[in-house]
Amino acid sequence: MKIIVCVKQVPDAKDVRLDPVTNTLTREGVASIMNPYDQHALEEAVRLVEKHGGEVTVISMGPPQAEEVLRQAISCGADQAVLITDRAFAGADTWATAYTLEKAVRTLGPFDLILCGKQAIDGDTAQVGPGLAMRFSMPCIACVQKVREVNGTSIVVERMMDDGYDIVETDFPALLTVVKDINEPRVPSLKGKMRAKKVEIKRLSAADIGADPACIGLPGSPTQVMKVFPPQARGEKAVFTGNLDEQIEQLVAKLAPYL
C-alpha cells in the first residue's frame, strides 16, 4: 500500500499575532509546528503500513523552513518526504494549493491512499483535502474517526457525524481527512530522530511539477483575504469579588435591571 500524507507547517496557536498593517499572520519570531490534525493523519498512515505493508510519503507545500515538519514526520515513521517549495507558490489560497499538491502527487507516481488532517489550524477552511480529491476525481471521505478494515482494493471507515457516525466503504485510490479522535500520535523514538537528521528531503519547484504559472500562488487564487482582525470587545465588563455567596449577590444585583 502506497500512502501519501499531506502536512502543513503552521504557527503555534499560542503565539499567533496579527500584523495590523498587512492584515496577515505574523510569522517572524513565532514558533512553527506541524498542523495538529496532520499529526493524526501521519500516525494513521504509519499504523496502516505497519499492519498491511507498504510505504508512507509525506509532502508539504511551504517555504524552506517547512523542512522541519517533514523531518519530524520521518522521525515518527514516514519512509520519505517531499517539500514543494517555490516563491511562485506564495499567496496561494485553497484552490491554488490543491492544484499545486495535485501536480506534485502526480510526479510521485501511483498511490492507493491520501491522508490529510481535517483542517489546518491557521486557516480552518477544511477545503484543501476535498479539493485535492476533486482534482483526482476520486472518492473523498471527510472527518474519519476510525479505520475499520482494509483489504487489497478498498477501505472501510467510520465518518464522524453530528449525531453519531456513518460506516463508509470506498475503493482505492481514495482520500481521507481525519479528526483527532482517530488515534494518539506517537512520540518519536531516538532511532527515528537520528534517521530524520540524516535523511534527504526531496525538493520540488514549480518547474519540477510542471505547474502552470497562472494556476499557482496569488495569480492562481480566485479568493484573497482582504482583512483579518481580532473581534472588538463589546459590552460592559464586571469583576465580582468576595466569596461565592457575595459574588452571586453582586451578579443578581447586576442582572436585576434586565429581568
C-alpha atoms as a PDB file:
ATOM      1  CA  MET A   1       0.000   0.000   0.000  1.00  0.00           C
ATOM      2  CA  LYS A   2       1.392   3.390  -1.007  1.00  0.00           C
ATOM      3  CA  ILE A   3       0.105   6.195   1.198  1.00  0.00           C
ATOM      4  CA  ILE A   4       0.708   9.914   0.765  1.00  0.00           C
ATOM      5  CA  VAL A   5       0.222  12.220   3.740  1.00  0.00           C
ATOM      6  CA  CYS A   6      -0.193  15.976   3.275  1.00  0.00           C
ATOM      7  CA  VAL A   7       1.145  18.039   6.167  1.00  0.00           C
ATOM      8  CA  LYS A   8       1.416  21.761   6.791  1.00  0.00           C
ATOM      9  CA  GLN A   9       3.692  23.879   8.944  1.00  0.00           C
ATOM     10  CA  VAL A  10       1.571  26.343  10.917  1.00  0.00           C
ATOM     11  CA  PRO A  11       2.207  28.973  13.612  1.00  0.00           C
ATOM     12  CA  ASP A  12       1.815  27.690  17.148  1.00  0.00           C
ATOM     13  CA  ALA A  13      -1.719  28.735  18.130  1.00  0.00           C
ATOM     14  CA  LYS A  14      -0.435  30.001  21.494  1.00  0.00           C
ATOM     15  CA  ASP A  15       1.748  32.606  19.763  1.00  0.00           C
ATOM     16  CA  VAL A  16      -0.461  33.755  16.880  1.00  0.00           C
ATOM     17  CA  ARG A  17      -0.356  37.504  16.261  1.00  0.00           C
ATOM     18  CA  LEU A  18      -1.790  39.693  13.521  1.00  0.00           C
ATOM     19  CA  ASP A  19       0.077  42.393  11.631  1.00  0.00           C
ATOM     20  CA  PRO A  20      -2.205  45.470  11.786  1.00  0.00           C
ATOM     21  CA  VAL A  21      -0.688  46.883   8.581  1.00  0.00           C
ATOM     22  CA  THR A  22      -0.742  43.862   6.265  1.00  0.00           C
ATOM     23  CA  ASN A  23      -3.668  42.065   7.969  1.00  0.00           C
ATOM     24  CA  THR A  24      -1.758  38.793   7.794  1.00  0.00           C
ATOM     25  CA  LEU A  25      -0.404  36.406  10.398  1.00  0.00           C
ATOM     26  CA  THR A  26       2.913  37.492  11.860  1.00  0.00           C
ATOM     27  CA  ARG A  27       5.297  34.548  11.483  1.00  0.00           C
ATOM     28  CA  GLU A  28       8.575  36.220  12.438  1.00  0.00           C
ATOM     29  CA  GLY A  29       9.578  35.211  15.941  1.00  0.00           C
ATOM     30  CA  VAL A  30       6.614  32.831  16.227  1.00  0.00           C
ATOM     31  CA  ALA A  31       7.235  29.127  16.779  1.00  0.00           C
ATOM     32  CA  SER A  32       6.041  26.830  13.973  1.00  0.00           C
ATOM     33  CA  ILE A  33       4.633  23.328  14.433  1.00  0.00           C
ATOM     34  CA  MET A  34       3.131  20.561  12.363  1.00  0.00           C
ATOM     35  CA  ASN A  35      -0.596  21.141  11.994  1.00  0.00           C
ATOM     36  CA  PRO A  36      -2.111  19.040  14.828  1.00  0.00           C
ATOM     37  CA  TYR A  37      -4.714  17.339  12.615  1.00  0.00           C
ATOM     38  CA  ASP A  38      -1.931  16.345  10.203  1.00  0.00           C
ATOM     39  CA  GLN A  39      -0.097  14.593  13.036  1.00  0.00           C
ATOM     40  CA  HIS A  40      -3.073  12.263  13.372  1.00  0.00           C
ATOM     41  CA  ALA A  41      -3.143  11.673   9.599  1.00  0.00           C
ATOM     42  CA  LEU A  42       0.552  10.757   9.700  1.00  0.00           C
ATOM     43  CA  GLU A  43       0.098   8.427  12.662  1.00  0.00           C
ATOM     44  CA  GLU A  44      -2.766   6.607  10.934  1.00  0.00           C
ATOM     45  CA  ALA A  45      -0.725   6.198   7.748  1.00  0.00           C
ATOM     46  CA  VAL A  46       2.197   4.709   9.675  1.00  0.00           C
ATOM     47  CA  ARG A  47      -0.120   2.333  11.527  1.00  0.00           C
ATOM     48  CA  LEU A  48      -1.709   1.153   8.274  1.00  0.00           C
ATOM     49  CA  VAL A  49       1.681   0.437   6.727  1.00  0.00           C
ATOM     50  CA  GLU A  50       2.885  -1.329   9.861  1.00  0.00           C
ATOM     51  CA  LYS A  51      -0.149  -3.599   9.645  1.00  0.00           C
ATOM     52  CA  HIS A  52      -0.591  -4.065   5.902  1.00  0.00           C
ATOM     53  CA  GLY A  53       2.830  -3.231   4.444  1.00  0.00           C
ATOM     54  CA  GLY A  54       3.776  -0.504   2.001  1.00  0.00           C
ATOM     55  CA  GLU A  55       5.327   2.948   2.350  1.00  0.00           C
ATOM     56  CA  VAL A  56       4.417   6.390   3.618  1.00  0.00           C
ATOM     57  CA  THR A  57       5.435   9.503   1.704  1.00  0.00           C
ATOM     58  CA  VAL A  58       4.874  12.844   3.410  1.00  0.00           C
ATOM     59  CA  ILE A  59       4.552  16.010   1.325  1.00  0.00           C
ATOM     60  CA  SER A  60       4.294  19.657   2.290  1.00  0.00           C
ATOM     61  CA  MET A  61       3.959  22.875   0.325  1.00  0.00           C
ATOM     62  CA  GLY A  62       5.732  25.754   2.013  1.00  0.00           C
ATOM     63  CA  PRO A  63       8.931  27.767   2.473  1.00  0.00           C
ATOM     64  CA  PRO A  64      12.309  26.059   3.013  1.00  0.00           C
ATOM     65  CA  GLN A  65      11.849  26.058   6.802  1.00  0.00           C
ATOM     66  CA  ALA A  66       8.872  23.717   6.375  1.00  0.00           C
ATOM     67  CA  GLU A  67      11.523  21.008   6.073  1.00  0.00           C
ATOM     68  CA  GLU A  68      11.396  20.896   9.883  1.00  0.00           C
ATOM     69  CA  VAL A  69       7.953  19.282   9.965  1.00  0.00           C
ATOM     70  CA  LEU A  70       8.982  16.818   7.270  1.00  0.00           C
ATOM     71  CA  ARG A  71      11.923  15.664   9.388  1.00  0.00           C
ATOM     72  CA  GLN A  72       9.526  15.360  12.298  1.00  0.00           C
ATOM     73  CA  ALA A  73       7.350  13.135  10.102  1.00  0.00           C
ATOM     74  CA  ILE A  74      10.345  10.954   9.254  1.00  0.00           C
ATOM     75  CA  SER A  75      11.169  10.608  12.951  1.00  0.00           C
ATOM     76  CA  CYS A  76       7.593   9.397  13.540  1.00  0.00           C
ATOM     77  CA  GLY A  77       7.783   6.626  10.948  1.00  0.00           C
ATOM     78  CA  ALA A  78       7.353   8.096   7.463  1.00  0.00           C
ATOM     79  CA  ASP A  79       9.559   6.482   4.813  1.00  0.00           C
ATOM     80  CA  GLN A  80      10.303   9.538   2.695  1.00  0.00           C
ATOM     81  CA  ALA A  81       9.418  13.227   2.500  1.00  0.00           C
ATOM     82  CA  VAL A  82       8.998  15.794  -0.261  1.00  0.00           C
ATOM     83  CA  LEU A  83       9.000  19.577   0.118  1.00  0.00           C
ATOM     84  CA  ILE A  84       7.170  21.532  -2.572  1.00  0.00           C
ATOM     85  CA  THR A  85       8.762  24.941  -2.372  1.00  0.00           C
ATOM     86  CA  ASP A  86       8.999  27.919  -4.715  1.00  0.00           C
ATOM     87  CA  ARG A  87       8.481  31.654  -4.309  1.00  0.00           C
ATOM     88  CA  ALA A  88       5.866  31.358  -7.041  1.00  0.00           C
ATOM     89  CA  PHE A  89       3.603  29.464  -4.598  1.00  0.00           C
ATOM     90  CA  ALA A  90       3.330  32.474  -2.237  1.00  0.00           C
ATOM     91  CA  GLY A  91      -0.168  33.799  -1.635  1.00  0.00           C
ATOM     92  CA  ALA A  92      -1.921  30.586  -2.690  1.00  0.00           C
ATOM     93  CA  ASP A  93      -5.485  30.119  -1.499  1.00  0.00           C
ATOM     94  CA  THR A  94      -7.025  26.672  -1.006  1.00  0.00           C
ATOM     95  CA  TRP A  95      -7.848  26.328  -4.721  1.00  0.00           C
ATOM     96  CA  ALA A  96      -4.272  27.037  -5.845  1.00  0.00           C
ATOM     97  CA  THR A  97      -2.883  24.895  -3.021  1.00  0.00           C
ATOM     98  CA  ALA A  98      -4.970  21.888  -4.092  1.00  0.00           C
ATOM     99  CA  TYR A  99      -3.773  22.388  -7.681  1.00  0.00           C
ATOM    100  CA  THR A 100      -0.130  22.520  -6.592  1.00  0.00           C
ATOM    101  CA  LEU A 101      -0.448  19.418  -4.423  1.00  0.00           C
ATOM    102  CA  GLU A 102      -2.132  17.552  -7.265  1.00  0.00           C
ATOM    103  CA  LYS A 103       0.694  18.346  -9.669  1.00  0.00           C
ATOM    104  CA  ALA A 104       3.249  17.261  -7.068  1.00  0.00           C
ATOM    105  CA  VAL A 105       1.470  13.999  -6.246  1.00  0.00           C
ATOM    106  CA  ARG A 106       1.289  13.116  -9.940  1.00  0.00           C
ATOM    107  CA  THR A 107       5.078  13.398 -10.170  1.00  0.00           C
ATOM    108  CA  LEU A 108       5.389  10.834  -7.372  1.00  0.00           C
ATOM    109  CA  GLY A 109       3.555   8.134  -9.298  1.00  0.00           C
ATOM    110  CA  PRO A 110       0.616   5.840  -8.461  1.00  0.00           C
ATOM    111  CA  PHE A 111      -0.768   5.710  -4.929  1.00  0.00           C
ATOM    112  CA  ASP A 112      -3.524   3.931  -3.024  1.00  0.00           C
ATOM    113  CA  LEU A 113      -4.473   6.454  -0.375  1.00  0.00           C
ATOM    114  CA  ILE A 114      -4.000  10.121   0.505  1.00  0.00           C
ATOM    115  CA  LEU A 115      -4.447  11.145   4.135  1.00  0.00           C
ATOM    116  CA  CYS A 116      -4.928  14.738   5.293  1.00  0.00           C
ATOM    117  CA  GLY A 117      -5.845  16.378   8.558  1.00  0.00           C
ATOM    118  CA  LYS A 118      -9.439  17.614   8.718  1.00  0.00           C
ATOM    119  CA  GLN A 119      -8.259  21.207   8.521  1.00  0.00           C
ATOM    120  CA  ALA A 120      -5.317  23.481   9.260  1.00  0.00           C
ATOM    121  CA  ILE A 121      -5.491  25.493  12.473  1.00  0.00           C
ATOM    122  CA  ASP A 122      -4.312  28.696  10.781  1.00  0.00           C
ATOM    123  CA  GLY A 123      -6.928  28.839   8.012  1.00  0.00           C
ATOM    124  CA  ASP A 124      -9.645  26.494   9.360  1.00  0.00           C
ATOM    125  CA  THR A 125     -11.211  26.076   5.902  1.00  0.00           C
ATOM    126  CA  ALA A 126     -11.129  22.242   5.633  1.00  0.00           C
ATOM    127  CA  GLN A 127     -11.087  22.709   1.850  1.00  0.00           C
ATOM    128  CA  VAL A 128      -7.678  21.504   0.650  1.00  0.00           C
ATOM    129  CA  GLY A 129      -8.251  17.778   1.235  1.00  0.00           C
ATOM    130  CA  PRO A 130     -11.597  17.590  -0.585  1.00  0.00           C
ATOM    131  CA  GLY A 131     -10.236  19.959  -3.253  1.00  0.00           C
ATOM    132  CA  LEU A 132      -7.312  17.627  -3.894  1.00  0.00           C
ATOM    133  CA  ALA A 133      -9.650  14.626  -4.174  1.00  0.00           C
ATOM    134  CA  MET A 134     -11.801  16.557  -6.648  1.00  0.00           C
ATOM    135  CA  ARG A 135      -8.790  17.183  -8.871  1.00  0.00           C
ATOM    136  CA  PHE A 136      -8.089  13.455  -8.996  1.00  0.00           C
ATOM    137  CA  SER A 137     -11.814  12.657  -9.486  1.00  0.00           C
ATOM    138  CA  MET A 138     -11.586  10.121  -6.690  1.00  0.00           C
ATOM    139  CA  PRO A 139     -13.681   9.391  -3.581  1.00  0.00           C
ATOM    140  CA  CYS A 140     -13.199  11.586  -0.518  1.00  0.00           C
ATOM    141  CA  ILE A 141     -14.364  10.732   2.986  1.00  0.00           C
ATOM    142  CA  ALA A 142     -14.044  13.610   5.432  1.00  0.00           C
ATOM    143  CA  CYS A 143     -13.890  13.599   9.236  1.00  0.00           C
ATOM    144  CA  VAL A 144     -12.800   9.971   9.563  1.00  0.00           C
ATOM    145  CA  GLN A 145     -12.622   8.889  13.201  1.00  0.00           C
ATOM    146  CA  LYS A 146     -11.695   5.218  12.736  1.00  0.00           C
ATOM    147  CA  VAL A 147     -10.383   2.852  10.082  1.00  0.00           C
ATOM    148  CA  ARG A 148     -12.312  -0.395  10.448  1.00  0.00           C
ATOM    149  CA  GLU A 149     -10.990  -2.595   7.682  1.00  0.00           C
ATOM    150  CA  VAL A 150      -8.539  -2.546   4.786  1.00  0.00           C
ATOM    151  CA  ASN A 151      -8.214  -5.093   2.011  1.00  0.00           C
ATOM    152  CA  GLY A 152      -6.441  -5.096  -1.305  1.00  0.00           C
ATOM    153  CA  THR A 153      -8.960  -2.937  -3.131  1.00  0.00           C
ATOM    154  CA  SER A 154     -11.000  -0.984  -0.579  1.00  0.00           C
ATOM    155  CA  ILE A 155     -11.158   0.563   2.886  1.00  0.00           C
ATOM    156  CA  VAL A 156     -13.978   0.749   5.462  1.00  0.00           C
ATOM    157  CA  VAL A 157     -14.049   3.710   7.851  1.00  0.00           C
ATOM    158  CA  GLU A 158     -16.224   5.487  10.383  1.00  0.00           C
ATOM    159  CA  ARG A 159     -17.115   9.043   9.389  1.00  0.00           C
ATOM    160  CA  MET A 160     -17.945  11.353  12.290  1.00  0.00           C
ATOM    161  CA  MET A 161     -21.390  12.958  12.162  1.00  0.00           C
ATOM    162  CA  ASP A 162     -23.239  15.366  14.456  1.00  0.00           C
ATOM    163  CA  ASP A 163     -25.459  12.571  15.794  1.00  0.00           C
ATOM    164  CA  GLY A 164     -23.041   9.634  15.700  1.00  0.00           C
ATOM    165  CA  TYR A 165     -21.105   8.175  12.793  1.00  0.00           C
ATOM    166  CA  ASP A 166     -21.551   6.602   9.367  1.00  0.00           C
ATOM    167  CA  ILE A 167     -19.802   3.421   8.234  1.00  0.00           C
ATOM    168  CA  VAL A 168     -18.493   4.042   4.724  1.00  0.00           C
ATOM    169  CA  GLU A 169     -16.615   1.815   2.282  1.00  0.00           C
ATOM    170  CA  THR A 170     -14.740   3.077  -0.761  1.00  0.00           C
ATOM    171  CA  ASP A 171     -12.388   1.617  -3.348  1.00  0.00           C
ATOM    172  CA  PHE A 172      -8.789   2.718  -3.825  1.00  0.00           C
ATOM    173  CA  PRO A 173      -7.473   5.210  -4.727  1.00  0.00           C
ATOM    174  CA  ALA A 174      -9.203   7.489  -2.237  1.00  0.00           C
ATOM    175  CA  LEU A 175      -8.584  10.443   0.047  1.00  0.00           C
ATOM    176  CA  LEU A 176      -9.451  10.620   3.735  1.00  0.00           C
ATOM    177  CA  THR A 177      -9.396  13.608   6.064  1.00  0.00           C
ATOM    178  CA  VAL A 178      -9.106  12.620   9.719  1.00  0.00           C
ATOM    179  CA  VAL A 179     -10.142  14.056  13.068  1.00  0.00           C
ATOM    180  CA  LYS A 180      -8.206  13.893  16.334  1.00  0.00           C
ATOM    181  CA  ASP A 181     -10.337  11.037  17.687  1.00  0.00           C
ATOM    182  CA  ILE A 182      -8.764   8.582  15.239  1.00  0.00           C
ATOM    183  CA  ASN A 183      -5.582   7.931  17.234  1.00  0.00           C
ATOM    184  CA  GLU A 184      -2.906   9.221  19.586  1.00  0.00           C
ATOM    185  CA  PRO A 185       0.256  10.302  17.700  1.00  0.00           C
ATOM    186  CA  ARG A 186       3.415   8.545  18.815  1.00  0.00           C
ATOM    187  CA  VAL A 187       6.454  10.173  20.356  1.00  0.00           C
ATOM    188  CA  PRO A 188       9.476   9.974  18.008  1.00  0.00           C
ATOM    189  CA  SER A 189      11.997   7.323  19.004  1.00  0.00           C
ATOM    190  CA  LEU A 190      15.716   8.060  19.337  1.00  0.00           C
ATOM    191  CA  LYS A 191      16.330   5.887  16.278  1.00  0.00           C
ATOM    192  CA  GLY A 192      13.691   7.829  14.375  1.00  0.00           C
ATOM    193  CA  LYS A 193      15.247  11.156  15.340  1.00  0.00           C
ATOM    194  CA  MET A 194      18.682  10.024  14.215  1.00  0.00           C
ATOM    195  CA  ARG A 195      17.281   8.846  10.902  1.00  0.00           C
ATOM    196  CA  ALA A 196      15.401  12.124  10.424  1.00  0.00           C
ATOM    197  CA  LYS A 197      18.627  14.097  10.788  1.00  0.00           C
ATOM    198  CA  LYS A 198      20.331  12.154   8.014  1.00  0.00           C
ATOM    199  CA  VAL A 199      17.517  11.614   5.512  1.00  0.00           C
ATOM    200  CA  GLU A 200      17.495  13.633   2.301  1.00  0.00           C
ATOM    201  CA  ILE A 201      14.350  15.715   1.816  1.00  0.00           C
ATOM    202  CA  LYS A 202      13.452  15.851  -1.857  1.00  0.00           C
ATOM    203  CA  ARG A 203      12.537  19.337  -3.089  1.00  0.00           C
ATOM    204  CA  LEU A 204      10.216  20.123  -5.966  1.00  0.00           C
ATOM    205  CA  SER A 205       9.829  23.544  -7.590  1.00  0.00           C
ATOM    206  CA  ALA A 206       7.002  24.820  -9.764  1.00  0.00           C
ATOM    207  CA  ALA A 207       9.006  23.791 -12.838  1.00  0.00           C
ATOM    208  CA  ASP A 208       9.687  20.321 -11.415  1.00  0.00           C
ATOM    209  CA  ILE A 209       5.982  19.548 -11.112  1.00  0.00           C
ATOM    210  CA  GLY A 210       5.031  21.178 -14.408  1.00  0.00           C
ATOM    211  CA  ALA A 211       2.750  23.744 -12.782  1.00  0.00           C
ATOM    212  CA  ASP A 212       1.065  26.407 -14.904  1.00  0.00           C
ATOM    213  CA  PRO A 213       2.259  29.807 -13.550  1.00  0.00           C
ATOM    214  CA  ALA A 214      -1.285  31.153 -13.953  1.00  0.00           C
ATOM    215  CA  CYS A 215      -2.651  28.469 -11.596  1.00  0.00           C
ATOM    216  CA  ILE A 216      -0.306  28.778  -8.622  1.00  0.00           C
ATOM    217  CA  GLY A 217       0.325  31.327  -5.896  1.00  0.00           C
ATOM    218  CA  LEU A 218      -1.515  34.603  -5.908  1.00  0.00           C
ATOM    219  CA  PRO A 219      -2.213  34.638  -9.687  1.00  0.00           C
ATOM    220  CA  GLY A 220      -3.943  31.258  -9.438  1.00  0.00           C
ATOM    221  CA  SER A 221      -6.025  32.166  -6.371  1.00  0.00           C
ATOM    222  CA  PRO A 222      -9.626  33.212  -7.080  1.00  0.00           C
ATOM    223  CA  THR A 223     -10.034  34.243  -3.428  1.00  0.00           C
ATOM    224  CA  GLN A 224      -7.959  36.660  -1.384  1.00  0.00           C
ATOM    225  CA  VAL A 225      -8.039  37.635   2.274  1.00  0.00           C
ATOM    226  CA  MET A 226      -8.769  41.364   2.313  1.00  0.00           C
ATOM    227  CA  LYS A 227      -8.700  41.849   6.056  1.00  0.00           C
ATOM    228  CA  VAL A 228      -8.015  39.820   9.184  1.00  0.00           C
ATOM    229  CA  PHE A 229      -8.705  41.243  12.616  1.00  0.00           C
ATOM    230  CA  PRO A 230      -9.498  40.134  16.158  1.00  0.00           C
ATOM    231  CA  PRO A 231     -13.098  40.820  17.226  1.00  0.00           C
ATOM    232  CA  GLN A 232     -13.606  44.006  19.200  1.00  0.00           C
ATOM    233  CA  ALA A 233     -14.699  43.643  22.797  1.00  0.00           C
ATOM    234  CA  ARG A 234     -18.340  44.572  23.225  1.00  0.00           C
ATOM    235  CA  GLY A 235     -20.458  45.429  26.238  1.00  0.00           C
ATOM    236  CA  GLU A 236     -19.530  46.259  29.806  1.00  0.00           C
ATOM    237  CA  LYS A 237     -17.144  44.227  31.882  1.00  0.00           C
ATOM    238  CA  ALA A 238     -17.703  43.466  35.535  1.00  0.00           C
ATOM    239  CA  VAL A 239     -15.483  41.682  38.028  1.00  0.00           C
ATOM    240  CA  PHE A 240     -17.102  40.259  41.139  1.00  0.00           C
ATOM    241  CA  THR A 241     -15.052  39.820  44.290  1.00  0.00           C
ATOM    242  CA  GLY A 242     -15.508  38.170  47.649  1.00  0.00           C
ATOM    243  CA  ASN A 243     -16.649  34.647  48.483  1.00  0.00           C
ATOM    244  CA  LEU A 244     -19.067  32.702  46.301  1.00  0.00           C
ATOM    245  CA  ASP A 245     -22.222  33.928  48.073  1.00  0.00           C
ATOM    246  CA  GLU A 246     -21.087  37.548  47.808  1.00  0.00           C
ATOM    247  CA  GLN A 247     -20.280  37.146  44.131  1.00  0.00           C
ATOM    248  CA  ILE A 248     -23.729  35.653  43.478  1.00  0.00           C
ATOM    249  CA  GLU A 249     -25.384  38.607  45.235  1.00  0.00           C
ATOM    250  CA  GLN A 250     -23.366  41.038  43.103  1.00  0.00           C
ATOM    251  CA  LEU A 251     -24.308  39.145  39.926  1.00  0.00           C
ATOM    252  CA  VAL A 252     -28.025  39.152  40.792  1.00  0.00           C
ATOM    253  CA  ALA A 253     -27.888  42.883  41.518  1.00  0.00           C
ATOM    254  CA  LYS A 254     -26.146  43.490  38.204  1.00  0.00           C
ATOM    255  CA  LEU A 255     -28.734  41.490  36.263  1.00  0.00           C
ATOM    256  CA  ALA A 256     -31.808  42.784  38.125  1.00  0.00           C
ATOM    257  CA  PRO A 257     -32.434  45.813  35.811  1.00  0.00           C
ATOM    258  CA  TYR A 258     -32.630  43.467  32.814  1.00  0.00           C
ATOM    259  CA  LEU A 259     -35.094  40.976  34.338  1.00  0.00           C
END
